[in-house]
Amino acid sequence: MKYEETGDKIRLDKWLWHARFFKTRSLAAKICRGGKVRINGDHSVKAASLIKPGDVLTFSQANDIRVIKMLAPGERRGPAVEAQGLYEDLSPVILKTDKTSVQHVVGGRDAGSGRPTKADRRATDKLKSWD
């Protein structure tokens, strides 16, 4: 379908590929067909669903949930800078904690720190006991 025929509308899979969320168009289509993309809160089960500027898309990408507002349909899969102009990222910011700030549970040990001490074994036994 040409852009001229549908105004500013474009196929969902094609736009996800243009905006560089997925490496191939077939991968974007697979995600769409699997019902893993929401358009304005409604599940989309077709890769050929038409989207227009202002639509909000929600989908998972790797281990993140992406919430994207479409700003423009785009004409090609161009460089990343051009692709970033096609959308506004509304995803919540998740702060990643580094390993040193995470409190270890009793019995938890750093990898490569050697055998547990007698106190470590007692703490582990205390956790595991039902008495």
N, C-alpha and C. Protein backbone atom coordinates (compact mmCIF):
# COMPACT_ATOMS: atom_id res chain seq x y z
N MET A 1 0.83 -1.17 0.00
CA MET A 1 0.00 0.00 0.00
C MET A 1 0.88 1.24 0.00
N LYS A 2 0.62 2.17 -0.85
CA LYS A 2 1.40 3.40 -0.94
C LYS A 2 0.92 4.40 0.11
N TYR A 3 1.82 5.28 0.54
CA TYR A 3 1.46 6.29 1.52
C TYR A 3 0.43 7.26 0.95
N GLU A 4 0.53 7.52 -0.37
CA GLU A 4 -0.40 8.47 -0.99
C GLU A 4 -1.84 7.96 -0.94
N GLU A 5 -2.00 6.63 -1.00
CA GLU A 5 -3.34 6.06 -0.99
C GLU A 5 -4.00 6.15 0.38
N THR A 6 -3.20 6.12 1.44
CA THR A 6 -3.75 6.08 2.79
C THR A 6 -3.46 7.35 3.60
N GLY A 7 -2.96 8.39 2.97
CA GLY A 7 -2.61 9.60 3.70
C GLY A 7 -1.34 9.38 4.50
N ASP A 8 -1.41 9.64 5.80
CA ASP A 8 -0.25 9.47 6.67
C ASP A 8 -0.20 8.09 7.31
N LYS A 9 -1.06 7.19 6.91
CA LYS A 9 -1.09 5.85 7.52
C LYS A 9 -0.05 4.95 6.88
N ILE A 10 0.43 3.99 7.69
CA ILE A 10 1.43 3.04 7.23
C ILE A 10 1.20 1.72 7.97
N ARG A 11 1.65 0.62 7.34
CA ARG A 11 1.53 -0.69 7.97
C ARG A 11 2.35 -0.72 9.26
N LEU A 12 1.82 -1.41 10.26
CA LEU A 12 2.47 -1.50 11.56
C LEU A 12 3.85 -2.13 11.47
N ASP A 13 3.96 -3.27 10.79
CA ASP A 13 5.25 -3.94 10.70
C ASP A 13 6.29 -3.10 9.96
N LYS A 14 5.84 -2.43 8.94
CA LYS A 14 6.76 -1.60 8.15
C LYS A 14 7.27 -0.42 8.97
N TRP A 15 6.38 0.19 9.76
CA TRP A 15 6.79 1.32 10.57
C TRP A 15 7.75 0.88 11.67
N LEU A 16 7.49 -0.25 12.32
CA LEU A 16 8.38 -0.74 13.37
C LEU A 16 9.78 -1.01 12.80
N TRP A 17 9.81 -1.47 11.56
CA TRP A 17 11.08 -1.71 10.89
C TRP A 17 11.76 -0.38 10.51
N HIS A 18 10.97 0.57 9.96
CA HIS A 18 11.52 1.90 9.61
C HIS A 18 12.10 2.59 10.84
N ALA A 19 11.41 2.48 11.97
CA ALA A 19 11.83 3.17 13.19
C ALA A 19 12.95 2.41 13.91
N ARG A 20 13.40 1.31 13.33
CA ARG A 20 14.54 0.54 13.82
C ARG A 20 14.31 -0.12 15.17
N PHE A 21 13.08 -0.54 15.44
CA PHE A 21 12.82 -1.31 16.65
C PHE A 21 13.16 -2.77 16.43
N PHE A 22 13.06 -3.24 15.19
CA PHE A 22 13.37 -4.62 14.85
C PHE A 22 14.32 -4.63 13.66
N LYS A 23 15.21 -5.60 13.65
CA LYS A 23 16.26 -5.65 12.65
C LYS A 23 15.72 -5.98 11.26
N THR A 24 14.69 -6.82 11.19
CA THR A 24 14.11 -7.18 9.89
C THR A 24 12.61 -6.93 9.92
N ARG A 25 12.05 -6.73 8.75
CA ARG A 25 10.61 -6.51 8.66
C ARG A 25 9.86 -7.80 8.99
N SER A 26 10.43 -8.95 8.62
CA SER A 26 9.76 -10.21 8.93
C SER A 26 9.71 -10.45 10.44
N LEU A 27 10.72 -10.02 11.19
CA LEU A 27 10.68 -10.14 12.64
C LEU A 27 9.61 -9.22 13.23
N ALA A 28 9.50 -8.02 12.69
CA ALA A 28 8.45 -7.09 13.13
C ALA A 28 7.07 -7.67 12.83
N ALA A 29 6.91 -8.29 11.66
CA ALA A 29 5.62 -8.89 11.30
C ALA A 29 5.29 -10.06 12.22
N LYS A 30 6.29 -10.83 12.59
CA LYS A 30 6.09 -11.98 13.48
C LYS A 30 5.58 -11.51 14.85
N ILE A 31 6.16 -10.44 15.37
CA ILE A 31 5.73 -9.88 16.65
C ILE A 31 4.29 -9.38 16.55
N CYS A 32 3.96 -8.74 15.43
CA CYS A 32 2.61 -8.21 15.22
C CYS A 32 1.59 -9.34 15.13
N ARG A 33 1.91 -10.36 14.35
CA ARG A 33 0.99 -11.50 14.18
C ARG A 33 0.78 -12.26 15.48
N GLY A 34 1.76 -12.22 16.36
CA GLY A 34 1.66 -12.91 17.64
C GLY A 34 0.80 -12.17 18.65
N GLY A 35 0.27 -11.01 18.28
CA GLY A 35 -0.58 -10.24 19.18
C GLY A 35 0.20 -9.56 20.29
N LYS A 36 1.48 -9.32 20.07
CA LYS A 36 2.34 -8.76 21.11
C LYS A 36 2.45 -7.24 21.03
N VAL A 37 1.72 -6.63 20.11
CA VAL A 37 1.75 -5.18 19.95
C VAL A 37 0.36 -4.62 20.23
N ARG A 38 0.31 -3.57 21.01
CA ARG A 38 -0.97 -2.88 21.27
C ARG A 38 -0.95 -1.53 20.57
N ILE A 39 -2.07 -1.22 19.93
CA ILE A 39 -2.23 0.09 19.29
C ILE A 39 -3.31 0.81 20.08
N ASN A 40 -2.94 1.88 20.75
CA ASN A 40 -3.86 2.64 21.60
C ASN A 40 -4.58 1.74 22.59
N GLY A 41 -3.87 0.76 23.14
CA GLY A 41 -4.42 -0.12 24.17
C GLY A 41 -5.10 -1.38 23.64
N ASP A 42 -5.35 -1.48 22.35
CA ASP A 42 -6.00 -2.66 21.78
C ASP A 42 -4.96 -3.56 21.13
N HIS A 43 -5.06 -4.88 21.36
CA HIS A 43 -4.14 -5.82 20.75
C HIS A 43 -4.31 -5.83 19.24
N SER A 44 -3.20 -5.87 18.54
CA SER A 44 -3.21 -5.97 17.09
C SER A 44 -2.73 -7.37 16.72
N VAL A 45 -3.47 -8.07 15.88
CA VAL A 45 -3.06 -9.41 15.47
C VAL A 45 -2.67 -9.45 14.01
N LYS A 46 -2.67 -8.29 13.36
CA LYS A 46 -2.30 -8.23 11.95
C LYS A 46 -1.09 -7.32 11.77
N ALA A 47 -0.14 -7.79 10.97
CA ALA A 47 1.01 -6.96 10.64
C ALA A 47 0.60 -5.82 9.72
N ALA A 48 -0.51 -6.00 9.01
CA ALA A 48 -0.99 -5.00 8.06
C ALA A 48 -1.89 -3.95 8.70
N SER A 49 -2.01 -3.95 10.02
CA SER A 49 -2.80 -2.92 10.69
C SER A 49 -2.22 -1.56 10.34
N LEU A 50 -3.09 -0.62 10.02
CA LEU A 50 -2.63 0.72 9.67
C LEU A 50 -2.56 1.60 10.91
N ILE A 51 -1.45 2.31 11.04
CA ILE A 51 -1.28 3.23 12.15
C ILE A 51 -1.05 4.62 11.58
N LYS A 52 -1.37 5.62 12.38
CA LYS A 52 -1.24 7.01 11.94
C LYS A 52 -0.53 7.82 13.02
N PRO A 53 -0.03 9.00 12.70
CA PRO A 53 0.62 9.83 13.72
C PRO A 53 -0.32 10.11 14.89
N GLY A 54 0.21 10.00 16.08
CA GLY A 54 -0.58 10.18 17.29
C GLY A 54 -0.94 8.87 17.96
N ASP A 55 -0.83 7.74 17.25
CA ASP A 55 -1.12 6.44 17.85
C ASP A 55 -0.03 6.08 18.85
N VAL A 56 -0.44 5.42 19.93
CA VAL A 56 0.50 4.97 20.95
C VAL A 56 0.64 3.46 20.84
N LEU A 57 1.87 3.00 20.66
CA LEU A 57 2.16 1.57 20.52
C LEU A 57 2.84 1.07 21.78
N THR A 58 2.45 -0.11 22.23
CA THR A 58 3.06 -0.75 23.38
C THR A 58 3.49 -2.15 22.97
N PHE A 59 4.76 -2.47 23.17
CA PHE A 59 5.27 -3.79 22.82
C PHE A 59 6.51 -4.07 23.64
N SER A 60 6.89 -5.35 23.68
CA SER A 60 8.10 -5.71 24.41
C SER A 60 9.25 -5.83 23.42
N GLN A 61 10.41 -5.42 23.88
CA GLN A 61 11.61 -5.49 23.06
C GLN A 61 12.73 -5.92 23.99
N ALA A 62 13.27 -7.10 23.74
CA ALA A 62 14.26 -7.72 24.63
C ALA A 62 13.63 -7.87 26.01
N ASN A 63 14.17 -7.26 27.04
CA ASN A 63 13.62 -7.37 28.39
C ASN A 63 12.86 -6.12 28.81
N ASP A 64 12.62 -5.21 27.88
CA ASP A 64 11.97 -3.95 28.20
C ASP A 64 10.59 -3.87 27.58
N ILE A 65 9.71 -3.10 28.22
CA ILE A 65 8.40 -2.78 27.66
C ILE A 65 8.54 -1.39 27.06
N ARG A 66 8.24 -1.26 25.79
CA ARG A 66 8.35 0.02 25.09
C ARG A 66 6.97 0.62 24.90
N VAL A 67 6.83 1.89 25.22
CA VAL A 67 5.62 2.66 24.96
C VAL A 67 6.05 3.80 24.06
N ILE A 68 5.52 3.79 22.83
CA ILE A 68 5.99 4.70 21.79
C ILE A 68 4.81 5.46 21.21
N LYS A 69 4.98 6.77 21.02
CA LYS A 69 3.97 7.57 20.33
C LYS A 69 4.50 7.86 18.93
N MET A 70 3.75 7.45 17.92
CA MET A 70 4.18 7.66 16.54
C MET A 70 4.00 9.13 16.16
N LEU A 71 5.04 9.72 15.61
CA LEU A 71 4.99 11.12 15.19
C LEU A 71 4.90 11.29 13.68
N ALA A 72 5.55 10.37 12.94
CA ALA A 72 5.56 10.46 11.48
C ALA A 72 5.67 9.05 10.90
N PRO A 73 5.14 8.84 9.69
CA PRO A 73 5.20 7.50 9.10
C PRO A 73 6.57 7.12 8.56
N GLY A 74 7.36 8.06 8.13
CA GLY A 74 8.68 7.74 7.57
C GLY A 74 8.54 7.24 6.14
N GLU A 75 9.56 7.44 5.36
CA GLU A 75 9.52 7.03 3.96
C GLU A 75 10.50 5.91 3.65
N ARG A 76 11.49 5.72 4.55
CA ARG A 76 12.49 4.68 4.31
C ARG A 76 13.11 4.28 5.63
N ARG A 77 13.86 3.18 5.61
CA ARG A 77 14.62 2.78 6.79
C ARG A 77 15.97 3.47 6.67
N GLY A 78 16.06 4.60 7.27
CA GLY A 78 17.27 5.40 7.17
C GLY A 78 18.16 5.23 8.37
N PRO A 79 19.07 6.17 8.57
CA PRO A 79 19.97 6.11 9.71
C PRO A 79 19.22 6.26 11.03
N ALA A 80 19.88 5.89 12.12
CA ALA A 80 19.25 5.91 13.44
C ALA A 80 18.74 7.29 13.83
N VAL A 81 19.49 8.32 13.48
CA VAL A 81 19.07 9.69 13.83
C VAL A 81 17.75 10.02 13.14
N GLU A 82 17.61 9.62 11.90
CA GLU A 82 16.36 9.84 11.17
C GLU A 82 15.23 9.02 11.77
N ALA A 83 15.53 7.80 12.16
CA ALA A 83 14.51 6.91 12.74
C ALA A 83 14.00 7.44 14.08
N GLN A 84 14.86 8.05 14.87
CA GLN A 84 14.46 8.57 16.17
C GLN A 84 13.50 9.76 16.05
N GLY A 85 13.46 10.39 14.90
CA GLY A 85 12.52 11.48 14.68
C GLY A 85 11.12 11.01 14.35
N LEU A 86 10.94 9.71 14.16
CA LEU A 86 9.63 9.15 13.81
C LEU A 86 8.75 8.90 15.02
N TYR A 87 9.32 8.94 16.23
CA TYR A 87 8.54 8.59 17.41
C TYR A 87 9.00 9.37 18.63
N GLU A 88 8.15 9.32 19.65
CA GLU A 88 8.47 9.88 20.97
C GLU A 88 8.40 8.72 21.95
N ASP A 89 9.44 8.53 22.71
CA ASP A 89 9.50 7.41 23.66
C ASP A 89 8.80 7.81 24.95
N LEU A 90 7.72 7.09 25.30
CA LEU A 90 6.97 7.35 26.52
C LEU A 90 7.24 6.28 27.57
N SER A 91 8.20 5.42 27.33
CA SER A 91 8.51 4.31 28.23
C SER A 91 8.94 4.84 29.59
N PRO A 92 8.51 4.17 30.66
CA PRO A 92 8.98 4.59 31.99
C PRO A 92 10.47 4.30 32.13
N VAL A 93 11.15 5.17 32.82
CA VAL A 93 12.59 5.00 33.03
C VAL A 93 12.79 4.05 34.20
N ILE A 94 13.55 2.99 33.96
CA ILE A 94 13.84 2.02 35.01
C ILE A 94 15.31 2.15 35.35
N LEU A 95 15.56 2.46 36.61
CA LEU A 95 16.94 2.62 37.05
C LEU A 95 17.54 1.24 37.30
N LYS A 96 18.70 1.03 36.75
CA LYS A 96 19.39 -0.24 36.94
C LYS A 96 20.32 -0.10 38.13
N THR A 97 20.29 -1.09 39.02
CA THR A 97 21.16 -1.06 40.19
C THR A 97 22.42 -1.84 39.90
N ASP A 98 23.51 -1.34 40.41
CA ASP A 98 24.75 -2.08 40.22
C ASP A 98 24.87 -3.17 41.29
N LYS A 99 25.75 -4.09 41.06
CA LYS A 99 25.86 -5.28 41.90
C LYS A 99 26.28 -4.94 43.32
N THR A 100 27.03 -3.88 43.53
CA THR A 100 27.52 -3.54 44.86
C THR A 100 26.43 -2.95 45.74
N SER A 101 25.39 -2.35 45.15
CA SER A 101 24.35 -1.73 45.96
C SER A 101 23.24 -2.69 46.35
N VAL A 102 23.22 -3.86 45.75
CA VAL A 102 22.18 -4.84 46.05
C VAL A 102 22.55 -5.57 47.33
N GLN A 103 21.59 -5.64 48.27
CA GLN A 103 21.83 -6.36 49.51
C GLN A 103 21.72 -7.85 49.25
N HIS A 104 22.72 -8.60 49.65
CA HIS A 104 22.70 -10.04 49.46
C HIS A 104 21.88 -10.68 50.57
N VAL A 105 21.14 -11.71 50.21
CA VAL A 105 20.36 -12.44 51.21
C VAL A 105 21.30 -13.32 52.00
N VAL A 106 20.84 -13.76 53.17
CA VAL A 106 21.65 -14.64 53.99
C VAL A 106 21.91 -15.91 53.21
N GLY A 107 23.13 -16.35 53.17
CA GLY A 107 23.48 -17.55 52.42
C GLY A 107 23.89 -17.24 51.00
N GLY A 108 23.67 -16.03 50.54
CA GLY A 108 24.09 -15.65 49.19
C GLY A 108 25.57 -15.33 49.18
N ARG A 109 26.28 -15.77 48.15
CA ARG A 109 27.72 -15.56 48.11
C ARG A 109 28.12 -15.03 46.75
N ASP A 110 29.17 -14.28 46.74
CA ASP A 110 29.74 -13.81 45.48
C ASP A 110 30.40 -14.99 44.77
N ALA A 111 30.30 -15.00 43.47
CA ALA A 111 30.93 -16.06 42.69
C ALA A 111 32.44 -16.00 42.87
N GLY A 112 33.06 -17.16 43.09
CA GLY A 112 34.50 -17.23 43.21
C GLY A 112 35.04 -16.82 44.56
N SER A 113 34.18 -16.71 45.57
CA SER A 113 34.65 -16.28 46.88
C SER A 113 35.08 -17.45 47.75
N GLY A 114 35.15 -18.65 47.20
CA GLY A 114 35.63 -19.80 47.95
C GLY A 114 34.52 -20.56 48.64
N ARG A 115 34.93 -21.48 49.49
CA ARG A 115 33.96 -22.31 50.20
C ARG A 115 33.27 -21.51 51.29
N PRO A 116 32.02 -21.89 51.62
CA PRO A 116 31.34 -21.18 52.70
C PRO A 116 32.01 -21.47 54.05
N THR A 117 31.96 -20.49 54.92
CA THR A 117 32.50 -20.67 56.27
C THR A 117 31.47 -21.41 57.11
N LYS A 118 31.87 -21.78 58.34
CA LYS A 118 30.95 -22.49 59.23
C LYS A 118 29.74 -21.59 59.55
N ALA A 119 29.96 -20.29 59.72
CA ALA A 119 28.87 -19.36 60.00
C ALA A 119 27.92 -19.27 58.80
N ASP A 120 28.46 -19.30 57.58
CA ASP A 120 27.61 -19.28 56.38
C ASP A 120 26.74 -20.54 56.31
N ARG A 121 27.35 -21.69 56.63
CA ARG A 121 26.59 -22.95 56.59
C ARG A 121 25.49 -22.96 57.63
N ARG A 122 25.78 -22.45 58.82
CA ARG A 122 24.75 -22.38 59.87
C ARG A 122 23.60 -21.46 59.46
N ALA A 123 23.93 -20.33 58.83
CA ALA A 123 22.89 -19.40 58.37
C ALA A 123 22.03 -20.06 57.29
N THR A 124 22.66 -20.80 56.39
CA THR A 124 21.92 -21.50 55.34
C THR A 124 21.04 -22.58 55.93
N ASP A 125 21.59 -23.36 56.89
CA ASP A 125 20.80 -24.41 57.56
C ASP A 125 19.61 -23.81 58.30
N LYS A 126 19.82 -22.65 58.94
CA LYS A 126 18.74 -21.99 59.67
C LYS A 126 17.62 -21.56 58.73
N LEU A 127 18.00 -21.07 57.54
CA LEU A 127 17.00 -20.68 56.54
C LEU A 127 16.21 -21.87 56.04
N LYS A 128 16.88 -23.00 55.86
CA LYS A 128 16.25 -24.17 55.27
C LYS A 128 15.44 -24.98 56.28
N SER A 129 15.71 -24.80 57.57
CA SER A 129 15.03 -25.63 58.57
C SER A 129 13.58 -25.18 58.75
N TRP A 130 12.73 -26.16 59.06
CA TRP A 130 11.30 -25.90 59.27
C TRP A 130 10.96 -25.82 60.73
N ASP A 131 11.93 -26.03 61.59
CA ASP A 131 11.68 -26.05 63.05
C ASP A 131 11.48 -24.67 63.59
